[in-house]
Protein backbone atom coordinates (compact mmCIF):
# COMPACT_ATOMS: atom_id res chain seq x y z
CA MET A 1 5.58 0.07 -14.57
CA ARG A 2 6.57 1.87 -11.37
CA ILE A 3 9.93 3.63 -11.36
CA LEU A 4 11.80 4.22 -8.09
CA ASN A 5 13.71 7.46 -8.05
CA GLU A 6 13.95 8.58 -4.43
CA ASN A 7 15.15 5.39 -2.79
CA ASN A 8 18.32 6.39 -1.01
CA LEU A 9 18.01 3.85 1.79
CA MET A 10 17.22 0.67 -0.12
CA LYS A 11 17.91 -0.91 -3.45
CA PRO A 12 14.63 -1.53 -5.30
CA GLY A 13 13.54 -5.15 -5.07
CA ASN A 14 16.17 -6.13 -2.49
CA ALA A 15 14.22 -8.74 -0.54
CA LYS A 16 16.79 -9.09 2.24
CA GLN A 17 16.85 -5.37 2.98
CA ALA A 18 13.06 -5.25 2.76
CA LEU A 19 12.82 -8.08 5.26
CA MET A 20 15.30 -6.41 7.62
CA TRP A 21 13.58 -3.03 7.64
CA ASN A 22 10.08 -4.47 7.89
CA MET A 23 10.90 -6.93 10.66
CA SER A 24 12.97 -4.44 12.66
CA GLY A 25 10.19 -1.89 12.73
CA VAL A 26 7.39 -4.34 13.41
CA CYS A 27 9.43 -6.18 16.07
CA PHE A 28 10.06 -2.91 17.87
CA PHE A 29 6.41 -1.85 17.63
CA TYR A 30 5.05 -5.10 19.04
CA PHE A 31 7.76 -5.21 21.68
CA CYS A 32 6.46 -1.83 22.84
CA ARG A 33 2.89 -3.18 22.82
CA TRP A 34 4.04 -6.09 24.93
CA LEU A 35 5.72 -3.68 27.36
CA ILE A 36 2.36 -1.93 27.66
CA THR A 37 0.76 -5.14 28.96
CA ILE A 38 3.64 -5.54 31.40
CA ALA A 39 3.18 -1.95 32.54
CA VAL A 40 -0.53 -2.58 33.17
CA VAL A 41 0.29 -5.50 35.46
CA ARG A 42 3.21 -3.79 37.18
CA MET A 43 1.38 -0.52 37.79
CA SER A 44 -1.87 -2.16 38.96
CA MET A 45 -2.73 -3.95 42.17
CA ASP A 46 -4.05 -6.98 40.29
CA PHE A 47 -4.84 -8.34 36.81
CA TYR A 48 -8.18 -6.50 36.49
CA SER A 49 -6.96 -3.59 34.32
CA ALA A 50 -4.97 -6.08 32.22
CA GLY A 51 -8.18 -8.08 31.81
CA ILE A 52 -10.06 -5.03 30.49
CA LEU A 53 -7.23 -4.29 28.08
CA MET A 54 -7.14 -7.91 26.87
CA LEU A 55 -10.92 -7.83 26.40
CA ALA A 56 -10.54 -4.65 24.33
CA ILE A 57 -7.83 -6.29 22.24
CA SER A 58 -9.92 -9.44 21.70
CA ILE A 59 -13.07 -7.57 20.61
CA THR A 60 -11.31 -4.99 18.44
CA ASN A 61 -9.31 -7.75 16.76
CA ILE A 62 -12.59 -9.08 15.41
CA TRP A 63 -13.68 -5.71 14.01
CA ASN A 64 -10.18 -5.02 12.74
CA VAL A 65 -10.98 -7.66 10.13
CA VAL A 66 -13.64 -5.31 8.76
CA ALA A 67 -11.27 -2.33 8.92
CA MET A 68 -8.49 -4.14 7.06
CA TYR A 69 -10.87 -5.98 4.69
CA ALA A 70 -7.97 -8.23 3.67
CA GLY A 71 -6.85 -5.47 1.33
CA ARG A 72 -3.12 -5.66 2.03
CA ASN A 73 -2.67 -9.18 0.65
CA ILE A 74 -4.63 -8.39 -2.50
CA GLN A 75 -2.89 -5.02 -2.83
CA VAL A 76 0.70 -6.29 -2.66
CA SER A 77 -0.03 -9.30 -4.90
CA ASP A 78 -1.60 -7.02 -7.51
CA ILE A 79 1.65 -6.66 -9.44
CA LYS A 80 -0.24 -6.05 -12.70
CA ASN A 81 -1.94 -3.00 -11.10
CA GLU A 82 -5.48 -4.15 -11.79
CA PHE A 83 -6.63 -1.55 -9.26
CA THR A 84 -5.13 1.86 -8.54
CA ASP A 85 -3.61 3.01 -5.26
CA SER A 86 -6.47 5.49 -4.87
CA GLU A 87 -9.03 2.70 -5.14
CA TYR A 88 -7.32 0.67 -2.41
CA VAL A 89 -7.15 3.77 -0.19
CA SER A 90 -10.78 4.72 -0.87
CA LEU A 91 -11.97 1.23 0.02
CA ARG A 92 -9.95 1.34 3.25
CA ILE A 93 -11.63 4.62 4.28
CA ILE A 94 -15.03 2.95 3.89
CA THR A 95 -14.06 -0.20 5.79
CA VAL A 96 -12.35 1.70 8.63
CA LEU A 97 -15.42 3.88 9.25
CA ALA A 98 -17.67 0.81 9.07
CA ALA A 99 -15.51 -1.05 11.61
CA ILE A 100 -15.70 1.80 14.12
CA LEU A 101 -19.47 1.96 13.71
CA PHE A 102 -20.02 -1.80 14.01
CA CYS A 103 -17.70 -2.12 17.01
CA THR A 104 -19.48 0.73 18.82
CA VAL A 105 -22.90 -0.83 18.25
CA HIS A 106 -21.60 -4.25 19.30
CA VAL A 107 -20.14 -2.97 22.55
CA LEU A 108 -23.14 -0.83 23.49
CA ILE A 109 -25.51 -3.76 22.93
CA SER A 110 -23.43 -6.48 24.60
CA SER A 111 -22.03 -4.68 27.66
CA ASP A 112 -23.59 -2.79 30.56
CA ASN A 113 -20.22 -1.72 31.98
CA ILE A 114 -19.81 1.85 30.72
CA TYR A 115 -16.12 2.11 31.61
CA GLN A 116 -15.18 -1.11 29.80
CA SER A 117 -17.29 -0.07 26.81
CA LEU A 118 -15.51 3.29 26.54
CA VAL A 119 -12.09 1.62 26.73
CA ILE A 120 -13.04 -0.79 23.93
CA ILE A 121 -14.51 1.91 21.67
CA VAL A 122 -11.50 4.20 22.05
CA TYR A 123 -9.13 1.29 21.51
CA MET A 124 -11.01 0.60 18.28
CA ILE A 125 -10.00 4.07 17.11
CA VAL A 126 -6.36 3.08 17.74
CA ILE A 127 -6.85 -0.06 15.68
CA ALA A 128 -8.73 1.78 12.92
CA SER A 129 -6.05 4.44 12.44
CA THR A 130 -3.40 1.71 12.32
CA ALA A 131 -5.52 -0.12 9.73
CA PHE A 132 -5.58 2.96 7.53
CA SER A 133 -1.80 3.29 7.80
CA ASP A 134 -1.64 -0.35 6.66
CA VAL A 135 -3.01 0.46 3.21
CA LEU A 136 -0.33 3.14 2.90
CA TYR A 137 2.24 0.51 3.94
CA GLY A 138 0.97 -1.67 1.10
CA LEU A 139 1.62 1.15 -1.34
CA MET A 140 5.15 1.59 0.06
CA GLN A 141 5.76 -2.16 -0.05
CA LYS A 142 5.06 -2.25 -3.77
CA GLU A 143 7.69 0.48 -4.10
CA TRP A 144 10.04 -1.59 -1.90
CA ARG A 145 10.16 1.23 0.65
CA MET A 146 10.18 -1.08 3.67
CA ASP A 147 12.51 1.39 5.38
CA VAL A 148 9.64 3.87 5.66
CA ILE A 149 7.34 1.18 7.07
CA GLY A 150 9.99 0.30 9.65
CA MET A 151 10.44 3.93 10.68
CA SER A 152 6.69 4.43 11.02
CA ASN A 153 6.38 1.40 13.28
CA VAL A 154 9.31 2.51 15.45
CA LEU A 155 7.77 5.94 15.87
CA ARG A 156 4.37 4.46 16.65
CA GLY A 157 5.87 2.06 19.20
CA ILE A 158 7.74 4.80 21.07
CA LEU A 159 4.71 7.12 21.25
CA PHE A 160 2.33 4.30 22.20
CA LEU A 161 4.51 3.09 25.06
CA THR A 162 5.44 6.47 26.55
CA SER A 163 1.94 7.94 26.29
CA PHE A 164 0.34 4.83 27.76
CA ILE A 165 2.67 4.67 30.77
CA VAL A 166 2.42 8.40 31.56
CA PHE A 167 -1.35 8.65 31.23
CA PHE A 168 -2.02 5.32 32.94
CA TYR A 169 0.09 6.37 35.92
CA PHE A 170 -1.66 9.71 36.38
CA TYR A 171 -5.16 9.20 34.97
CA GLY A 172 -5.92 5.49 34.48
CA LEU A 173 -6.58 3.05 31.64
CA LEU A 174 -9.17 5.04 29.68
CA ALA A 175 -6.99 8.16 29.51
CA SER A 176 -4.00 6.12 28.39
CA VAL A 177 -5.97 4.54 25.53
CA ILE A 178 -7.25 7.99 24.49
CA ALA A 179 -3.63 9.20 24.36
CA MET A 180 -2.67 6.21 22.19
CA SER A 181 -5.49 6.99 19.76
CA PHE A 182 -4.37 10.62 19.49
CA PHE A 183 -0.77 9.69 18.66
CA SER A 184 -1.82 6.92 16.27
CA ILE A 185 -3.88 9.38 14.24
CA ALA A 186 -1.05 11.94 14.39
CA ILE A 187 1.49 9.48 12.96
CA MET A 188 -0.92 8.50 10.20
CA VAL A 189 -1.60 12.13 9.20
CA LEU A 190 1.82 13.70 9.74
CA PHE A 191 4.17 10.85 8.74
CA ASP A 192 2.56 8.05 6.75
CA MET A 193 0.34 10.06 4.40
CA PRO A 194 2.90 12.70 3.30
CA ILE A 195 5.45 10.00 2.42
CA ALA A 196 2.85 7.87 0.63
CA ARG A 197 1.93 10.85 -1.53
CA ARG A 198 5.50 10.95 -2.87
CA TYR A 199 4.87 7.66 -4.65
CA ALA A 200 1.24 7.96 -5.67
CA LYS A 201 -1.26 10.68 -6.50
CA LEU A 202 -3.87 9.69 -3.97
CA LYS A 203 -7.42 10.92 -4.37
CA LEU A 204 -10.80 9.60 -3.37
CA MET A 205 -12.20 7.23 -6.01
CA PHE A 206 -15.73 6.16 -5.12
CA ASP A 207 -16.53 4.46 -8.41
CA PHE A 208 -19.24 2.03 -7.33
CA LYS A 209 -18.56 -0.48 -10.10
CA ARG A 210 -14.80 -0.59 -9.51
CA LEU A 211 -15.06 -0.70 -5.71
CA SER A 212 -17.72 -3.39 -5.90
CA LYS A 213 -15.37 -5.53 -7.96
CA LEU A 214 -12.55 -5.00 -5.44
CA ILE A 215 -14.91 -5.80 -2.58
CA ARG A 216 -15.90 -9.08 -4.25
CA ILE A 217 -12.27 -10.07 -4.80
CA CYS A 218 -11.35 -9.34 -1.17
CA PHE A 219 -14.47 -10.84 0.41
CA PRO A 220 -13.33 -14.50 0.70
CA LEU A 221 -10.13 -13.29 2.39
CA VAL A 222 -12.21 -11.18 4.76
CA ILE A 223 -14.05 -14.33 5.81
CA VAL A 224 -10.69 -16.07 6.28
CA ALA A 225 -9.32 -13.18 8.34
CA PHE A 226 -12.48 -13.12 10.47
CA LEU A 227 -12.32 -16.85 11.13
CA PHE A 228 -8.57 -16.65 11.77
CA THR A 229 -9.19 -13.94 14.39
CA PHE A 230 -12.33 -15.61 15.70
CA ILE A 231 -10.48 -18.64 17.06
CA PRO A 232 -8.26 -16.81 19.62
CA SER A 233 -10.79 -14.04 20.29
CA PHE A 234 -13.69 -16.43 20.96
CA THR A 235 -11.43 -18.53 23.17
CA ARG A 236 -10.48 -15.51 25.29
CA ILE A 237 -14.07 -14.33 25.57
CA MET A 238 -15.12 -17.81 26.73
CA LEU A 239 -12.23 -17.82 29.20
CA ARG A 240 -13.51 -14.60 30.74
CA GLU A 241 -17.13 -15.82 30.88
CA GLN A 242 -16.33 -19.19 32.42
CA LEU A 243 -13.55 -18.10 34.76
CA SER A 244 -13.04 -14.35 35.36
CA THR A 245 -11.66 -11.08 34.03
CA GLU A 246 -8.60 -11.54 36.28
CA VAL A 247 -7.87 -14.96 34.78
CA LEU A 248 -8.22 -13.48 31.29
CA GLY A 249 -5.79 -10.74 32.28
CA MET A 250 -3.31 -13.32 33.53
CA TYR A 251 -3.75 -15.51 30.46
CA GLY A 252 -3.41 -12.59 28.07
CA SER A 253 -0.31 -11.26 29.79
CA VAL A 254 1.43 -14.64 29.94
CA THR A 255 0.61 -15.64 26.36
CA LEU A 256 1.20 -12.23 24.77
CA PRO A 257 4.90 -12.91 24.01
CA ALA A 258 3.74 -15.81 21.81
CA ALA A 259 1.09 -13.59 20.20
CA MET A 260 3.75 -10.95 19.59
CA ALA A 261 5.90 -13.61 17.91
CA GLN A 262 2.99 -14.35 15.56
CA THR A 263 2.81 -10.75 14.45
CA ILE A 264 6.57 -10.54 13.96
CA VAL A 265 6.48 -13.64 11.76
CA PHE A 266 3.51 -12.21 9.83
CA SER A 267 5.56 -9.08 9.15
CA ALA A 268 8.33 -11.26 7.76
CA PHE A 269 5.78 -12.76 5.38
CA ALA A 270 4.89 -9.36 3.88
CA PRO A 271 7.61 -9.26 1.18
CA VAL A 272 7.07 -12.97 0.52
CA THR A 273 3.64 -12.28 -0.99
CA THR A 274 5.19 -10.12 -3.69
CA LEU A 275 8.01 -12.62 -4.29
CA ILE A 276 5.59 -15.53 -4.73
CA ALA A 277 3.44 -13.42 -7.04
CA ARG A 278 6.50 -12.64 -9.17
CA SER A 279 7.59 -16.30 -9.32
CA TYR A 280 4.06 -17.18 -10.48
CA LEU A 281 4.11 -14.41 -13.09
CA GLU A 282 7.51 -15.64 -14.30
CA ARG A 283 6.27 -19.27 -14.40
CA ASN A 284 9.25 -20.24 -12.22
CA TYR A 285 8.12 -23.27 -10.21
CA LYS A 286 11.56 -23.97 -8.71
CA LYS A 287 11.83 -20.43 -7.39
CA TYR A 288 8.32 -20.69 -5.98
CA LEU A 289 9.11 -23.94 -4.15
CA ARG A 290 12.32 -22.47 -2.75
CA ILE A 291 10.47 -19.48 -1.31
CA PHE A 292 7.59 -21.64 -0.08
CA TRP A 293 9.70 -24.22 1.76
CA THR A 294 12.13 -21.66 3.17
CA GLY A 295 9.24 -19.96 4.93
CA ILE A 296 7.76 -23.19 6.29
CA VAL A 297 11.04 -24.62 7.58
CA GLY A 298 12.24 -21.29 8.95
CA THR A 299 8.99 -20.54 10.79
CA ALA A 300 8.71 -24.02 12.31
CA THR A 301 12.37 -24.01 13.38
CA VAL A 302 12.15 -20.65 15.17
CA PHE A 303 9.01 -21.61 17.11
CA LEU A 304 10.26 -25.09 18.03
CA VAL A 305 13.52 -23.64 19.39
CA PHE A 306 11.59 -21.22 21.59
CA PHE A 307 9.20 -24.00 22.63
CA VAL A 308 12.10 -26.15 23.85
CA LEU A 309 13.78 -23.22 25.61
CA SER A 310 10.54 -22.27 27.35
CA PHE A 311 10.74 -25.30 29.66
CA PRO A 312 14.01 -24.45 31.42
CA LEU A 313 13.62 -20.67 31.05
CA GLY A 314 9.87 -19.97 30.98
CA ARG A 315 9.32 -19.72 34.74
CA TRP A 316 12.38 -17.50 35.20
CA PHE A 317 11.30 -15.30 32.27
CA LEU A 318 7.75 -14.77 33.57
CA GLN A 319 8.97 -14.03 37.09
CA LEU A 320 11.47 -11.52 35.73
CA ILE A 321 8.90 -9.74 33.57
CA PHE A 322 5.79 -10.01 35.73
CA SER A 323 5.92 -11.56 39.18
CA ALA A 324 6.27 -14.79 41.14
CA GLU A 325 2.51 -15.24 40.78
CA ALA A 326 2.77 -15.17 36.99
CA ALA A 327 5.69 -17.65 37.03
CA GLN A 328 3.37 -20.48 38.07
CA TYR A 329 1.69 -20.18 34.66
CA ALA A 330 4.86 -21.14 32.75
CA PRO A 331 3.18 -24.26 31.20
CA ILE A 332 0.54 -21.98 29.64
CA PHE A 333 3.32 -19.87 28.15
CA SER A 334 4.93 -22.96 26.58
CA GLU A 335 1.61 -24.18 25.18
CA ALA A 336 0.95 -20.78 23.64
CA ILE A 337 4.20 -20.98 21.67
CA LEU A 338 3.05 -24.25 20.13
CA PHE A 339 -0.39 -23.09 19.01
CA SER A 340 1.16 -19.84 17.74
CA MET A 341 3.39 -21.92 15.49
CA PHE A 342 0.36 -23.60 13.88
CA MET A 343 -1.32 -20.21 13.42
CA CYS A 344 1.73 -18.77 11.68
CA LEU A 345 2.25 -21.80 9.46
CA GLY A 346 -1.39 -21.74 8.43
CA TRP A 347 -1.23 -18.03 7.60
CA TYR A 348 1.98 -18.49 5.59
CA ILE A 349 0.61 -21.38 3.58
CA MET A 350 -2.37 -19.24 2.58
CA ILE A 351 -0.14 -16.81 0.64
CA PRO A 352 0.03 -18.91 -2.56
CA LEU A 353 -3.77 -19.29 -2.54
CA VAL A 354 -4.06 -15.49 -2.42
CA VAL A 355 -1.72 -15.19 -5.39
CA PHE A 356 -3.65 -17.88 -7.29
CA ARG A 357 -6.93 -16.17 -6.25
CA LYS A 358 -8.18 -19.47 -4.78
CA THR A 359 -9.40 -17.76 -1.63
CA VAL A 360 -12.73 -19.57 -1.34
CA ILE A 361 -10.84 -22.76 -0.45
CA GLN A 362 -9.15 -20.92 2.41
CA ALA A 363 -12.52 -19.72 3.71
CA ILE A 364 -13.95 -23.25 3.72
CA ILE A 365 -10.95 -24.70 5.59
CA TYR A 366 -10.91 -21.94 8.21
CA ALA A 367 -14.66 -22.27 8.66
CA CYS A 368 -14.06 -25.90 9.67
CA GLY A 369 -11.32 -24.81 12.10
CA ALA A 370 -13.57 -22.14 13.62
CA LEU A 371 -16.39 -24.68 13.96
CA ILE A 372 -14.08 -26.96 15.93
CA CYS A 373 -13.29 -24.05 18.27
CA LEU A 374 -16.95 -23.07 18.60
CA LEU A 375 -18.04 -26.61 19.47
CA PHE A 376 -15.29 -27.59 21.91
CA ALA A 377 -13.84 -24.39 23.45
CA SER A 378 -16.28 -24.37 26.36
CA PHE A 379 -15.64 -28.04 27.17
CA MET A 380 -11.86 -27.68 26.96
CA ILE A 381 -11.82 -24.66 29.28
CA GLN A 382 -14.13 -26.36 31.77
CA ARG A 383 -11.99 -29.49 31.69
CA PHE A 384 -8.48 -27.98 31.66
CA GLY A 385 -8.92 -24.37 32.83
CA ALA A 386 -6.70 -21.76 31.15
CA SER A 387 -4.67 -24.51 29.47
CA GLY A 388 -7.87 -25.62 27.75
CA ALA A 389 -7.85 -22.31 25.85
CA ASN A 390 -4.46 -23.30 24.45
CA TYR A 391 -5.44 -26.88 23.69
CA ILE A 392 -8.48 -25.94 21.61
CA GLN A 393 -6.38 -23.46 19.62
CA MET A 394 -3.76 -26.14 18.98
CA ILE A 395 -6.43 -28.50 17.66
CA ALA A 396 -8.26 -25.92 15.51
CA ASN A 397 -5.12 -24.33 14.05
CA GLY A 398 -3.38 -27.68 13.63
CA PHE A 399 -6.32 -28.88 11.55
CA THR A 400 -6.30 -25.78 9.32
CA PHE A 401 -2.53 -26.04 8.81
CA VAL A 402 -2.70 -29.65 7.63
CA ALA A 403 -5.74 -29.05 5.42
CA LEU A 404 -4.24 -25.92 3.86
CA PHE A 405 -0.92 -27.68 3.24
CA ILE A 406 -2.66 -30.47 1.33
CA ALA A 407 -4.74 -27.97 -0.67
CA VAL A 408 -1.78 -25.74 -1.55
CA THR A 409 0.39 -28.68 -2.61
CA ILE A 410 -2.26 -29.91 -5.06
CA ILE A 411 -3.29 -26.48 -6.37
CA SER A 412 0.31 -25.24 -6.83
CA LYS A 413 1.13 -28.15 -9.13
CA GLU A 414 -2.05 -27.53 -11.14
CA GLN A 415 -1.42 -23.77 -11.41
CA PHE A 416 2.17 -24.04 -12.60
CA ALA A 417 1.31 -26.95 -14.90
CA SER A 418 -1.40 -24.84 -16.52
CA CYS A 419 1.04 -21.95 -16.87
CA THR A 420 3.56 -24.21 -18.62
CA THR A 421 0.90 -25.64 -20.88
CA SER A 422 -0.37 -22.17 -21.74
CA ASP A 423 3.12 -20.99 -22.57
CA SER A 424 3.77 -24.03 -24.76
CA ASP A 425 0.50 -23.53 -26.64
CA SER A 426 1.31 -19.87 -27.28
CA GLU A 427 4.61 -20.85 -28.85
């Protein structure tokens, strides 16, 4: 059993404080990332540089799945400490290096534009260093040190934004991404790792048998994460191929506030994984249902409020942030809020399946959603233009949400019923 003895900022296990610190830090970090996309548009003559940046984000998001290897969800739901902190960290080192390698090979094979390729490869280093910090965040989350996670994200957001703007202004996009990678690594080495070592004796643990077991446990979630990322990434890549880099830049800039909202909501889910795992361990079905439905209703309510407000305020908001040219794409902004809601609801509903270790079901359902996107994305974009990219994501993510909801409802009853039966038998 872990014992907290240096927690001066939070009470151990205080879910509300954990939520506040985690959300505040992540909100600030992704707000800064959003400001970066605004800066690209404002400081450029057109949407071309924004298009390159959005392409880099889309491609590295795919390989970020390899870097993360779905370890955070397994890590924070591992309340019985089946694996050690060192084993989670060691696995993350392997997956981060593999992601950088695979992304580099992918870009060099698929692109003949050297400048774009360099931007993507360097941006992958930014993503990879952030992915390594994530495993340290998982360690801190189990200690309920969400304050440290929040501080790390605030620091990363400030350095990302300032370095990007300064270097982009004087030297261009590639130099600005290089600066971001430098500061991301610096935060990881100088801030995240020293604090993580206060709570765990971290050392490299390359036990093939143990790591192989952890890899097998995580693998279905890796497939889910890949398919989850594949839907928006494939849609954006198809948008660029069928229309243009400039249109992708416009689409990415206009829809990024909705994408940022997704990430903020995901950050709010982080403590929920541990809470659901504890309710399952305690055999408390009522507590589980309360947590489960609070997340669903709260997430849907927030997105629907913003969706309604986007109609009277969307055009004004886009003109204020970007330009009069961007304001004409207000309908795309509204549509993005709606498909983002389905993405978030689907991701939230997956949490119980992670706790129950029923991850293969998630993979099958998301494979069906990705297949829908693969088959119809091209047609939807040809038929409806940039809005078609939103429509296909609404359909694919709407399907996965409904299918996951049905699966979780059935499996939850079975899991808690079996727990009750097991307890009764033991008595």
